[in-house]
Amino acid sequence: MTFVYPFLVSFFMVFLSELGDKTQLLVLSFSTKSRAKNVLLGVAIGTFFSHGLAILFGSKLASFENVSFQFYAEILTYLSFLLFGIWGFIPKREKESSSGSKFSLLQKLSNLKLNYVLLIAFNIVVGEFGDKTFLASLGLGLQYPEFKLSLIAGSICGMVGSNSIALFFGRFLGNRFNPKFVEILSNVIFVVFGLVGLFCVFFD
């Protein structure tokens, strides 16, 4: 049952981070153009390639026998968790300039007349690349290199679950849950995960 913990960690980190994210807003826009099952299939395929690549890359780094390299790679990874969590608390006006160009690119891609499943998958790959959930997947691959399938399954389920809620219950939940609370919770999780990871690196 040791594979369950990596799965759950991957699931919850991706699930919470995706709520209210810009890529999720694009997924919602696709829901008016295609069936929900096609949208979610595209999300699953895109997550497999984007987060799967990050997890496999992280696992590959962990397989290097150079102890010093692994030590500094883990420090950089957990520092990125910490910084992304802190970055999330910065008011959005200050962040829009840096994320606006990427979102504009995704909006242009979403208007292409292609198979919607493939188009959604491609948007997920582009949108998630370099994002905090992408780096989280890389870090999880580094931390749990022997549980690649569990991590990939967890990230796919997290993305599909988060977007399913947005697709089917968006209006209902929007009237009852403050999106700001979800964003704060996501940021706190990244900060805690980063701090715990750094603590383990230095004191384990």
Protein backbone atom coordinates (compact mmCIF):
# COMPACT_ATOMS: atom_id res chain seq x y z
CA MET A 1 0.00 0.00 0.00
CA THR A 2 3.03 2.32 -0.08
CA PHE A 3 1.97 3.50 -3.55
CA VAL A 4 -1.19 5.09 -2.11
CA TYR A 5 0.59 7.94 -0.30
CA PRO A 6 2.42 9.28 -3.41
CA PHE A 7 -0.87 9.01 -5.33
CA LEU A 8 -2.76 11.03 -2.71
CA VAL A 9 -0.03 13.68 -2.42
CA SER A 10 0.04 14.11 -6.19
CA PHE A 11 -3.76 14.15 -6.40
CA PHE A 12 -4.36 16.79 -3.74
CA MET A 13 -1.55 19.11 -4.83
CA VAL A 14 -2.75 19.12 -8.43
CA PHE A 15 -6.44 19.18 -7.52
CA LEU A 16 -6.21 22.25 -5.29
CA SER A 17 -3.72 24.09 -7.49
CA GLU A 18 -5.92 23.70 -10.57
CA LEU A 19 -9.04 25.20 -8.95
CA GLY A 20 -9.48 28.68 -10.40
CA ASP A 21 -6.34 28.40 -12.53
CA LYS A 22 -6.24 30.04 -15.97
CA THR A 23 -6.05 26.68 -17.76
CA GLN A 24 -9.23 25.66 -15.94
CA LEU A 25 -10.98 28.78 -17.24
CA LEU A 26 -10.02 27.74 -20.77
CA VAL A 27 -11.37 24.25 -20.09
CA LEU A 28 -14.65 25.84 -19.03
CA SER A 29 -14.77 27.77 -22.31
CA PHE A 30 -14.37 24.49 -24.20
CA SER A 31 -17.40 23.06 -22.39
CA THR A 32 -19.63 25.26 -24.58
CA LYS A 33 -18.07 23.83 -27.75
CA SER A 34 -17.79 20.12 -26.96
CA ARG A 35 -19.23 17.45 -24.67
CA ALA A 36 -17.97 17.24 -21.11
CA LYS A 37 -16.53 13.75 -21.64
CA ASN A 38 -14.46 15.03 -24.59
CA VAL A 39 -13.24 17.98 -22.53
CA LEU A 40 -12.19 15.75 -19.63
CA LEU A 41 -10.55 13.26 -22.01
CA GLY A 42 -8.49 16.11 -23.41
CA VAL A 43 -7.56 17.18 -19.88
CA ALA A 44 -6.46 13.63 -19.02
CA ILE A 45 -4.33 13.27 -22.17
CA GLY A 46 -2.74 16.68 -21.72
CA THR A 47 -1.97 15.97 -18.07
CA PHE A 48 -0.44 12.62 -18.96
CA PHE A 49 2.04 14.29 -21.29
CA SER A 50 2.76 17.45 -19.27
CA HIS A 51 2.82 16.18 -15.70
CA GLY A 52 3.94 12.75 -16.79
CA LEU A 53 6.98 14.28 -18.45
CA ALA A 54 7.76 16.27 -15.30
CA ILE A 55 7.44 13.20 -13.09
CA LEU A 56 9.60 11.05 -15.35
CA PHE A 57 12.23 13.79 -15.55
CA GLY A 58 12.24 14.17 -11.76
CA SER A 59 12.53 10.39 -11.34
CA LYS A 60 15.45 10.34 -13.78
CA LEU A 61 17.25 13.03 -11.77
CA ALA A 62 16.72 10.98 -8.62
CA SER A 63 18.37 7.96 -10.26
CA PHE A 64 21.71 9.77 -10.58
CA GLU A 65 24.24 8.36 -8.14
CA ASN A 66 25.89 11.73 -7.52
CA VAL A 67 24.90 12.53 -3.94
CA SER A 68 25.78 16.22 -4.21
CA PHE A 69 23.67 16.62 -7.35
CA GLN A 70 20.65 15.01 -5.70
CA PHE A 71 21.11 17.19 -2.63
CA TYR A 72 21.09 20.46 -4.58
CA ALA A 73 18.34 19.29 -6.93
CA GLU A 74 16.08 18.58 -3.95
CA ILE A 75 16.89 21.98 -2.42
CA LEU A 76 16.01 23.78 -5.67
CA THR A 77 12.82 21.78 -6.04
CA TYR A 78 11.54 22.49 -2.54
CA LEU A 79 12.59 26.12 -2.79
CA SER A 80 10.46 26.36 -5.95
CA PHE A 81 7.47 24.99 -3.98
CA LEU A 82 8.09 27.59 -1.30
CA LEU A 83 8.51 30.45 -3.76
CA PHE A 84 5.42 29.51 -5.79
CA GLY A 85 3.38 29.34 -2.59
CA ILE A 86 4.60 32.79 -1.52
CA TRP A 87 4.11 34.12 -5.06
CA GLY A 88 0.47 33.10 -4.82
CA PHE A 89 -0.08 35.58 -1.98
CA ILE A 90 1.08 38.54 -4.09
CA PRO A 91 -1.89 40.65 -5.29
CA LYS A 92 -3.01 39.67 -8.78
CA ARG A 93 -2.36 43.08 -10.31
CA GLU A 94 1.35 42.54 -9.83
CA LYS A 95 1.20 39.06 -11.34
CA GLU A 96 -0.97 39.75 -14.39
CA SER A 97 1.86 41.29 -16.42
CA SER A 98 3.96 38.13 -16.17
CA SER A 99 1.15 35.64 -16.81
CA GLY A 100 -0.87 37.64 -19.35
CA SER A 101 1.22 36.73 -22.40
CA LYS A 102 0.95 33.02 -21.68
CA PHE A 103 -2.81 33.24 -21.18
CA SER A 104 -3.16 35.20 -24.44
CA LEU A 105 -1.30 32.44 -26.27
CA LEU A 106 -3.63 29.82 -24.81
CA GLN A 107 -6.68 31.85 -25.85
CA LYS A 108 -5.38 32.00 -29.42
CA LEU A 109 -4.72 28.26 -29.43
CA SER A 110 -8.24 27.59 -28.14
CA ASN A 111 -9.69 29.29 -31.25
CA LEU A 112 -7.99 26.91 -33.68
CA LYS A 113 -10.38 24.67 -35.62
CA LEU A 114 -9.03 21.24 -34.72
CA ASN A 115 -10.28 18.13 -32.98
CA TYR A 116 -11.38 19.45 -29.59
CA VAL A 117 -9.93 16.55 -27.57
CA LEU A 118 -6.49 17.09 -29.09
CA LEU A 119 -6.84 20.86 -28.87
CA ILE A 120 -7.70 20.72 -25.17
CA ALA A 121 -4.83 18.29 -24.56
CA PHE A 122 -2.43 20.63 -26.35
CA ASN A 123 -3.68 23.60 -24.32
CA ILE A 124 -3.10 21.67 -21.11
CA VAL A 125 0.45 20.75 -22.17
CA VAL A 126 1.29 24.36 -23.05
CA GLY A 127 -0.59 25.88 -20.11
CA GLU A 128 0.87 23.60 -17.47
CA PHE A 129 4.47 23.70 -18.70
CA GLY A 130 6.54 25.62 -16.17
CA ASP A 131 3.49 26.19 -13.96
CA LYS A 132 3.64 25.50 -10.22
CA THR A 133 1.78 22.20 -10.61
CA PHE A 134 4.29 21.18 -13.30
CA LEU A 135 7.19 21.92 -10.94
CA ALA A 136 5.34 20.16 -8.14
CA SER A 137 5.10 17.04 -10.32
CA LEU A 138 8.81 17.30 -11.08
CA GLY A 139 9.57 17.54 -7.36
CA LEU A 140 7.32 14.59 -6.55
CA GLY A 141 9.11 12.52 -9.18
CA LEU A 142 12.38 13.48 -7.52
CA GLN A 143 11.08 12.52 -4.08
CA TYR A 144 9.26 9.31 -5.06
CA PRO A 145 11.17 8.01 -8.10
CA GLU A 146 9.98 4.44 -7.55
CA PHE A 147 6.30 5.43 -7.68
CA LYS A 148 6.10 7.05 -11.12
CA LEU A 149 2.80 5.41 -12.09
CA SER A 150 1.16 6.39 -8.79
CA LEU A 151 2.27 10.00 -9.21
CA ILE A 152 1.12 10.20 -12.84
CA ALA A 153 -2.23 8.60 -11.95
CA GLY A 154 -2.63 11.01 -9.04
CA SER A 155 -1.91 14.07 -11.19
CA ILE A 156 -4.31 12.93 -13.92
CA CYS A 157 -7.07 12.24 -11.37
CA GLY A 158 -6.38 15.58 -9.71
CA MET A 159 -6.70 17.52 -12.97
CA VAL A 160 -9.76 15.59 -14.15
CA GLY A 161 -11.41 15.84 -10.72
CA SER A 162 -10.79 19.56 -10.41
CA ASN A 163 -12.07 20.29 -13.91
CA SER A 164 -15.06 17.95 -13.42
CA ILE A 165 -16.13 20.00 -10.44
CA ALA A 166 -15.74 23.18 -12.45
CA LEU A 167 -17.72 21.76 -15.37
CA PHE A 168 -20.60 20.21 -13.46
CA PHE A 169 -20.83 22.19 -10.25
CA GLY A 170 -19.15 25.50 -11.07
CA ARG A 171 -22.17 27.70 -10.57
CA PHE A 172 -23.38 25.81 -7.51
CA LEU A 173 -20.00 25.92 -5.77
CA GLY A 174 -19.33 29.47 -6.89
CA ASN A 175 -22.23 30.68 -4.76
CA ARG A 176 -21.04 28.80 -1.66
CA PHE A 177 -17.25 28.78 -1.71
CA ASN A 178 -14.97 31.77 -1.84
CA PRO A 179 -12.41 31.22 -4.66
CA LYS A 180 -9.95 33.29 -2.65
CA PHE A 181 -10.09 30.69 0.14
CA VAL A 182 -9.25 27.88 -2.30
CA GLU A 183 -6.34 29.90 -3.69
CA ILE A 184 -5.00 30.62 -0.20
CA LEU A 185 -5.32 26.95 0.75
CA SER A 186 -3.40 25.94 -2.37
CA ASN A 187 -0.65 28.45 -1.60
CA VAL A 188 -0.41 27.28 2.01
CA ILE A 189 -0.05 23.65 0.87
CA PHE A 190 2.84 24.60 -1.43
CA VAL A 191 4.56 26.58 1.31
CA VAL A 192 4.15 23.76 3.84
CA PHE A 193 5.31 21.14 1.34
CA GLY A 194 8.36 23.25 0.52
CA LEU A 195 9.24 23.82 4.18
CA VAL A 196 8.78 20.17 5.12
CA GLY A 197 10.85 19.08 2.13
CA LEU A 198 13.69 21.44 3.01
CA PHE A 199 13.57 20.31 6.63
CA CYS A 200 13.86 16.67 5.54
CA VAL A 201 16.76 17.47 3.19
CA PHE A 202 18.80 19.20 5.90
CA PHE A 203 17.83 17.18 8.97
CA ASP A 204 16.85 13.73 7.74
